[in-house]
Amino acid sequence: MNPNSQPHSGAWVSFTYASFLAAAVMVGAGILFLPLDWWAKGYLGMGVVMLVQSCVTMTKTVRDMHEASRLVNRIEDARTERLLMDVGNPPGGHSSHQDRFSR
């Protein structure tokens, strides 16, 4: 988790769970009361389950890709900073950063 971001409030987490549950119940009831044979209702139910599973998987994948790109950016930033510090230091000399803290 991003150290600068605030965690979700308990109310928000409860709202998301309640919203998911309400949507699942409404879709399930809608499929159940359709004037179709049971095999058609089962097919629609399996489709809904697969859709939810695919949404969860896609969300996790997108988040993982975002987190990985943030890690790569932090590593590249650290390399750039290190390179800039090395360029600013004469060979065998002391950096101004070291001089500031050695006093």
C-alpha atoms as a PDB file:
ATOM      1  CA  MET A   1       0.000   0.000   0.000  1.00  0.00           C
ATOM      2  CA  ASN A   2       1.190   3.520  -0.694  1.00  0.00           C
ATOM      3  CA  PRO A   3       2.680   4.937   2.528  1.00  0.00           C
ATOM      4  CA  ASN A   4       1.336   8.401   1.635  1.00  0.00           C
ATOM      5  CA  SER A   5      -2.254   7.270   1.066  1.00  0.00           C
ATOM      6  CA  GLN A   6      -4.828   7.094   3.815  1.00  0.00           C
ATOM      7  CA  PRO A   7      -6.500   3.752   4.572  1.00  0.00           C
ATOM      8  CA  HIS A   8     -10.149   3.350   3.655  1.00  0.00           C
ATOM      9  CA  SER A   9     -12.614   4.189   6.401  1.00  0.00           C
ATOM     10  CA  GLY A  10     -14.738   1.479   7.946  1.00  0.00           C
ATOM     11  CA  ALA A  11     -17.862   3.111   6.522  1.00  0.00           C
ATOM     12  CA  TRP A  12     -16.460   2.952   2.980  1.00  0.00           C
ATOM     13  CA  VAL A  13     -15.466  -0.705   3.335  1.00  0.00           C
ATOM     14  CA  SER A  14     -18.923  -1.557   4.706  1.00  0.00           C
ATOM     15  CA  PHE A  15     -20.560   0.341   1.842  1.00  0.00           C
ATOM     16  CA  THR A  16     -18.553  -1.559  -0.781  1.00  0.00           C
ATOM     17  CA  TYR A  17     -19.461  -4.927   0.772  1.00  0.00           C
ATOM     18  CA  ALA A  18     -23.131  -3.953   1.040  1.00  0.00           C
ATOM     19  CA  SER A  19     -23.169  -2.707  -2.564  1.00  0.00           C
ATOM     20  CA  PHE A  20     -21.639  -5.935  -3.849  1.00  0.00           C
ATOM     21  CA  LEU A  21     -24.069  -8.042  -1.836  1.00  0.00           C
ATOM     22  CA  ALA A  22     -27.083  -6.001  -3.002  1.00  0.00           C
ATOM     23  CA  ALA A  23     -25.995  -6.251  -6.650  1.00  0.00           C
ATOM     24  CA  ALA A  24     -25.455 -10.012  -6.366  1.00  0.00           C
ATOM     25  CA  VAL A  25     -28.871 -10.527  -4.742  1.00  0.00           C
ATOM     26  CA  MET A  26     -30.647  -8.386  -7.337  1.00  0.00           C
ATOM     27  CA  VAL A  27     -28.982 -10.124 -10.298  1.00  0.00           C
ATOM     28  CA  GLY A  28     -29.618 -13.541  -8.739  1.00  0.00           C
ATOM     29  CA  ALA A  29     -33.287 -12.726  -8.130  1.00  0.00           C
ATOM     30  CA  GLY A  30     -33.604 -11.311 -11.629  1.00  0.00           C
ATOM     31  CA  ILE A  31     -32.225 -14.495 -13.163  1.00  0.00           C
ATOM     32  CA  LEU A  32     -34.305 -16.699 -10.859  1.00  0.00           C
ATOM     33  CA  PHE A  33     -37.587 -15.011 -11.800  1.00  0.00           C
ATOM     34  CA  LEU A  34     -36.936 -14.878 -15.547  1.00  0.00           C
ATOM     35  CA  PRO A  35     -39.512 -16.856 -17.532  1.00  0.00           C
ATOM     36  CA  LEU A  36     -36.873 -19.301 -18.810  1.00  0.00           C
ATOM     37  CA  ASP A  37     -36.032 -22.965 -18.396  1.00  0.00           C
ATOM     38  CA  TRP A  38     -33.626 -23.932 -15.607  1.00  0.00           C
ATOM     39  CA  TRP A  39     -30.790 -24.677 -18.032  1.00  0.00           C
ATOM     40  CA  ALA A  40     -30.981 -21.105 -19.392  1.00  0.00           C
ATOM     41  CA  LYS A  41     -31.069 -19.657 -15.879  1.00  0.00           C
ATOM     42  CA  GLY A  42     -28.067 -21.804 -14.946  1.00  0.00           C
ATOM     43  CA  TYR A  43     -26.198 -20.603 -18.014  1.00  0.00           C
ATOM     44  CA  LEU A  44     -26.864 -16.958 -17.114  1.00  0.00           C
ATOM     45  CA  GLY A  45     -25.850 -17.634 -13.498  1.00  0.00           C
ATOM     46  CA  MET A  46     -22.557 -19.193 -14.588  1.00  0.00           C
ATOM     47  CA  GLY A  47     -21.968 -16.204 -16.849  1.00  0.00           C
ATOM     48  CA  VAL A  48     -22.479 -13.801 -13.937  1.00  0.00           C
ATOM     49  CA  VAL A  49     -20.102 -15.797 -11.711  1.00  0.00           C
ATOM     50  CA  MET A  50     -17.460 -15.837 -14.463  1.00  0.00           C
ATOM     51  CA  LEU A  51     -17.927 -12.093 -15.023  1.00  0.00           C
ATOM     52  CA  VAL A  52     -17.394 -11.319 -11.326  1.00  0.00           C
ATOM     53  CA  GLN A  53     -14.338 -13.601 -11.186  1.00  0.00           C
ATOM     54  CA  SER A  54     -12.900 -11.934 -14.298  1.00  0.00           C
ATOM     55  CA  CYS A  55     -13.469  -8.460 -12.822  1.00  0.00           C
ATOM     56  CA  VAL A  56     -11.648  -9.417  -9.620  1.00  0.00           C
ATOM     57  CA  THR A  57      -8.757 -10.941 -11.579  1.00  0.00           C
ATOM     58  CA  MET A  58      -8.488  -7.953 -13.911  1.00  0.00           C
ATOM     59  CA  THR A  59      -8.569  -5.506 -10.996  1.00  0.00           C
ATOM     60  CA  LYS A  60      -5.794  -7.393  -9.214  1.00  0.00           C
ATOM     61  CA  THR A  61      -3.697  -7.556 -12.392  1.00  0.00           C
ATOM     62  CA  VAL A  62      -4.063  -3.829 -13.094  1.00  0.00           C
ATOM     63  CA  ARG A  63      -3.166  -2.994  -9.500  1.00  0.00           C
ATOM     64  CA  ASP A  64      -0.142  -5.321  -9.566  1.00  0.00           C
ATOM     65  CA  MET A  65       1.069  -3.715 -12.805  1.00  0.00           C
ATOM     66  CA  HIS A  66       0.662  -0.246 -11.282  1.00  0.00           C
ATOM     67  CA  GLU A  67       2.524  -1.235  -8.112  1.00  0.00           C
ATOM     68  CA  ALA A  68       5.323  -2.811 -10.184  1.00  0.00           C
ATOM     69  CA  SER A  69       5.695   0.332 -12.288  1.00  0.00           C
ATOM     70  CA  ARG A  70       5.894   2.438  -9.120  1.00  0.00           C
ATOM     71  CA  LEU A  71       8.661   0.168  -7.795  1.00  0.00           C
ATOM     72  CA  VAL A  72      10.560   0.408 -11.085  1.00  0.00           C
ATOM     73  CA  ASN A  73      10.202   4.201 -11.028  1.00  0.00           C
ATOM     74  CA  ARG A  74      11.531   4.362  -7.449  1.00  0.00           C
ATOM     75  CA  ILE A  75      14.506   2.183  -8.400  1.00  0.00           C
ATOM     76  CA  GLU A  76      15.238   4.347 -11.453  1.00  0.00           C
ATOM     77  CA  ASP A  77      14.928   7.514  -9.349  1.00  0.00           C
ATOM     78  CA  ALA A  78      17.400   6.099  -6.814  1.00  0.00           C
ATOM     79  CA  ARG A  79      19.838   5.194  -9.612  1.00  0.00           C
ATOM     80  CA  THR A  80      19.534   8.672 -11.109  1.00  0.00           C
ATOM     81  CA  GLU A  81      20.102  10.313  -7.737  1.00  0.00           C
ATOM     82  CA  ARG A  82      23.130   8.120  -7.097  1.00  0.00           C
ATOM     83  CA  LEU A  83      24.523   8.932 -10.555  1.00  0.00           C
ATOM     84  CA  LEU A  84      24.042  12.652  -9.980  1.00  0.00           C
ATOM     85  CA  MET A  85      25.769  12.434  -6.597  1.00  0.00           C
ATOM     86  CA  ASP A  86      28.681  10.527  -8.166  1.00  0.00           C
ATOM     87  CA  VAL A  87      29.011  13.094 -10.975  1.00  0.00           C
ATOM     88  CA  GLY A  88      29.084  15.933  -8.457  1.00  0.00           C
ATOM     89  CA  ASN A  89      31.901  14.339  -6.441  1.00  0.00           C
ATOM     90  CA  PRO A  90      35.494  14.715  -7.642  1.00  0.00           C
ATOM     91  CA  PRO A  91      37.439  11.430  -7.731  1.00  0.00           C
ATOM     92  CA  GLY A  92      38.978  10.771  -4.336  1.00  0.00           C
ATOM     93  CA  GLY A  93      37.394  13.910  -2.903  1.00  0.00           C
ATOM     94  CA  HIS A  94      34.645  14.426  -0.377  1.00  0.00           C
ATOM     95  CA  SER A  95      31.160  15.383  -1.367  1.00  0.00           C
ATOM     96  CA  SER A  96      29.514  18.453   0.040  1.00  0.00           C
ATOM     97  CA  HIS A  97      26.895  16.091   1.500  1.00  0.00           C
ATOM     98  CA  GLN A  98      29.563  14.311   3.531  1.00  0.00           C
ATOM     99  CA  ASP A  99      31.176  17.608   4.547  1.00  0.00           C
ATOM    100  CA  ARG A 100      27.886  18.961   5.851  1.00  0.00           C
ATOM    101  CA  PHE A 101      27.336  16.041   8.179  1.00  0.00           C
ATOM    102  CA  SER A 102      30.922  15.476   9.287  1.00  0.00           C
ATOM    103  CA  ARG A 103      31.132  18.786  11.132  1.00  0.00           C
END
